[in-house]
Amino acid sequence: MSKAAVLDASALLCLLNGEQGSERVLEALPRAVIGAANLAEVVSKLRERGLSV
């Protein structure tokens, strides 16, 4: 069993924005977890950019 990868908001935003390093986040995604506060930050940033709920 592989260990979980803990994502923070910047890692997930990096992936969603296709920024440098997003490949590493994509590789970790199948075993990744993210805390509620970090997820809330990602949702907040996406909402600021006009994405609907």
N, C-alpha and C. Protein backbone atom coordinates (compact mmCIF):
# COMPACT_ATOMS: atom_id res chain seq x y z
N MET A 1 0.85 -1.17 0.00
CA MET A 1 0.00 0.00 0.00
C MET A 1 0.89 1.24 0.00
N SER A 2 0.61 2.16 -0.89
CA SER A 2 1.41 3.38 -0.95
C SER A 2 0.88 4.40 0.05
N LYS A 3 1.77 5.26 0.48
CA LYS A 3 1.39 6.29 1.45
C LYS A 3 0.58 7.38 0.78
N ALA A 4 -0.28 8.00 1.56
CA ALA A 4 -1.09 9.11 1.04
C ALA A 4 -0.20 10.33 0.85
N ALA A 5 -0.55 11.12 -0.14
CA ALA A 5 0.11 12.39 -0.37
C ALA A 5 -0.83 13.48 0.14
N VAL A 6 -0.31 14.37 0.95
CA VAL A 6 -1.13 15.44 1.51
C VAL A 6 -0.92 16.69 0.66
N LEU A 7 -2.00 17.16 0.04
CA LEU A 7 -1.93 18.34 -0.81
C LEU A 7 -2.28 19.59 -0.02
N ASP A 8 -1.63 20.68 -0.36
CA ASP A 8 -2.08 21.97 0.15
C ASP A 8 -2.74 22.72 -1.01
N ALA A 9 -3.30 23.87 -0.70
CA ALA A 9 -4.04 24.63 -1.72
C ALA A 9 -3.16 24.98 -2.91
N SER A 10 -1.93 25.37 -2.66
CA SER A 10 -1.07 25.79 -3.77
C SER A 10 -0.77 24.63 -4.72
N ALA A 11 -0.65 23.43 -4.20
CA ALA A 11 -0.40 22.28 -5.08
C ALA A 11 -1.59 22.01 -5.98
N LEU A 12 -2.79 22.04 -5.40
CA LEU A 12 -3.97 21.78 -6.21
C LEU A 12 -4.21 22.90 -7.21
N LEU A 13 -3.98 24.13 -6.82
CA LEU A 13 -4.13 25.25 -7.76
C LEU A 13 -3.09 25.17 -8.87
N CYS A 14 -1.89 24.73 -8.54
CA CYS A 14 -0.84 24.52 -9.55
C CYS A 14 -1.33 23.55 -10.61
N LEU A 15 -1.93 22.45 -10.18
CA LEU A 15 -2.45 21.46 -11.11
C LEU A 15 -3.58 22.04 -11.94
N LEU A 16 -4.52 22.70 -11.31
CA LEU A 16 -5.68 23.24 -12.02
C LEU A 16 -5.29 24.33 -13.01
N ASN A 17 -4.21 25.04 -12.73
CA ASN A 17 -3.75 26.11 -13.60
C ASN A 17 -2.71 25.65 -14.62
N GLY A 18 -2.32 24.38 -14.56
CA GLY A 18 -1.34 23.85 -15.50
C GLY A 18 0.03 24.48 -15.35
N GLU A 19 0.39 24.82 -14.13
CA GLU A 19 1.67 25.48 -13.87
C GLU A 19 2.80 24.46 -13.79
N GLN A 20 4.01 25.00 -13.76
CA GLN A 20 5.19 24.15 -13.63
C GLN A 20 5.09 23.34 -12.34
N GLY A 21 5.37 22.07 -12.43
CA GLY A 21 5.28 21.18 -11.28
C GLY A 21 3.95 20.43 -11.21
N SER A 22 3.01 20.79 -12.07
CA SER A 22 1.70 20.14 -12.02
C SER A 22 1.78 18.65 -12.33
N GLU A 23 2.81 18.23 -13.06
CA GLU A 23 2.97 16.81 -13.36
C GLU A 23 3.17 16.00 -12.09
N ARG A 24 3.92 16.57 -11.15
CA ARG A 24 4.18 15.87 -9.89
C ARG A 24 2.90 15.74 -9.08
N VAL A 25 2.08 16.78 -9.10
CA VAL A 25 0.81 16.75 -8.38
C VAL A 25 -0.10 15.71 -9.03
N LEU A 26 -0.14 15.69 -10.35
CA LEU A 26 -0.97 14.73 -11.07
C LEU A 26 -0.58 13.29 -10.74
N GLU A 27 0.71 13.02 -10.62
CA GLU A 27 1.19 11.68 -10.26
C GLU A 27 0.71 11.27 -8.87
N ALA A 28 0.67 12.23 -7.95
CA ALA A 28 0.29 11.95 -6.56
C ALA A 28 -1.22 11.91 -6.36
N LEU A 29 -1.97 12.45 -7.29
CA LEU A 29 -3.42 12.63 -7.13
C LEU A 29 -4.19 11.36 -6.74
N PRO A 30 -3.90 10.20 -7.34
CA PRO A 30 -4.69 9.01 -6.97
C PRO A 30 -4.60 8.63 -5.49
N ARG A 31 -3.55 9.04 -4.82
CA ARG A 31 -3.39 8.69 -3.40
C ARG A 31 -3.41 9.94 -2.51
N ALA A 32 -3.94 11.03 -3.05
CA ALA A 32 -3.87 12.31 -2.35
C ALA A 32 -5.08 12.58 -1.46
N VAL A 33 -4.81 13.33 -0.41
CA VAL A 33 -5.84 13.85 0.48
C VAL A 33 -5.59 15.35 0.62
N ILE A 34 -6.65 16.08 0.99
CA ILE A 34 -6.51 17.52 1.20
C ILE A 34 -7.40 17.89 2.38
N GLY A 35 -6.91 18.76 3.23
CA GLY A 35 -7.67 19.19 4.38
C GLY A 35 -8.78 20.15 3.99
N ALA A 36 -9.76 20.27 4.88
CA ALA A 36 -10.92 21.12 4.60
C ALA A 36 -10.53 22.58 4.40
N ALA A 37 -9.60 23.09 5.19
CA ALA A 37 -9.19 24.49 5.06
C ALA A 37 -8.51 24.74 3.72
N ASN A 38 -7.67 23.81 3.29
CA ASN A 38 -7.01 23.96 1.99
C ASN A 38 -8.00 23.85 0.85
N LEU A 39 -8.95 22.93 0.96
CA LEU A 39 -9.96 22.79 -0.07
C LEU A 39 -10.82 24.05 -0.14
N ALA A 40 -11.16 24.61 1.01
CA ALA A 40 -11.94 25.85 1.03
C ALA A 40 -11.18 26.99 0.36
N GLU A 41 -9.87 27.03 0.54
CA GLU A 41 -9.07 28.07 -0.11
C GLU A 41 -9.09 27.89 -1.63
N VAL A 42 -9.00 26.66 -2.09
CA VAL A 42 -9.04 26.39 -3.54
C VAL A 42 -10.39 26.82 -4.10
N VAL A 43 -11.47 26.44 -3.44
CA VAL A 43 -12.81 26.81 -3.91
C VAL A 43 -12.95 28.33 -3.93
N SER A 44 -12.45 28.99 -2.90
CA SER A 44 -12.52 30.45 -2.83
C SER A 44 -11.78 31.10 -4.01
N LYS A 45 -10.59 30.61 -4.31
CA LYS A 45 -9.82 31.16 -5.43
C LYS A 45 -10.53 30.93 -6.77
N LEU A 46 -11.11 29.76 -6.92
CA LEU A 46 -11.83 29.46 -8.16
C LEU A 46 -13.07 30.33 -8.29
N ARG A 47 -13.76 30.56 -7.18
CA ARG A 47 -14.94 31.43 -7.19
C ARG A 47 -14.55 32.87 -7.55
N GLU A 48 -13.40 33.33 -7.04
CA GLU A 48 -12.91 34.67 -7.39
C GLU A 48 -12.69 34.81 -8.89
N ARG A 49 -12.35 33.70 -9.53
CA ARG A 49 -12.09 33.70 -10.98
C ARG A 49 -13.34 33.46 -11.78
N GLY A 50 -14.50 33.37 -11.10
CA GLY A 50 -15.76 33.29 -11.81
C GLY A 50 -16.34 31.91 -12.01
N LEU A 51 -15.73 30.88 -11.47
CA LEU A 51 -16.30 29.54 -11.61
C LEU A 51 -17.53 29.42 -10.72
N SER A 52 -18.55 28.77 -11.22
CA SER A 52 -19.77 28.60 -10.44
C SER A 52 -19.61 27.44 -9.48
N VAL A 53 -20.46 27.42 -8.47
CA VAL A 53 -20.42 26.34 -7.49
C VAL A 53 -20.81 25.04 -8.17
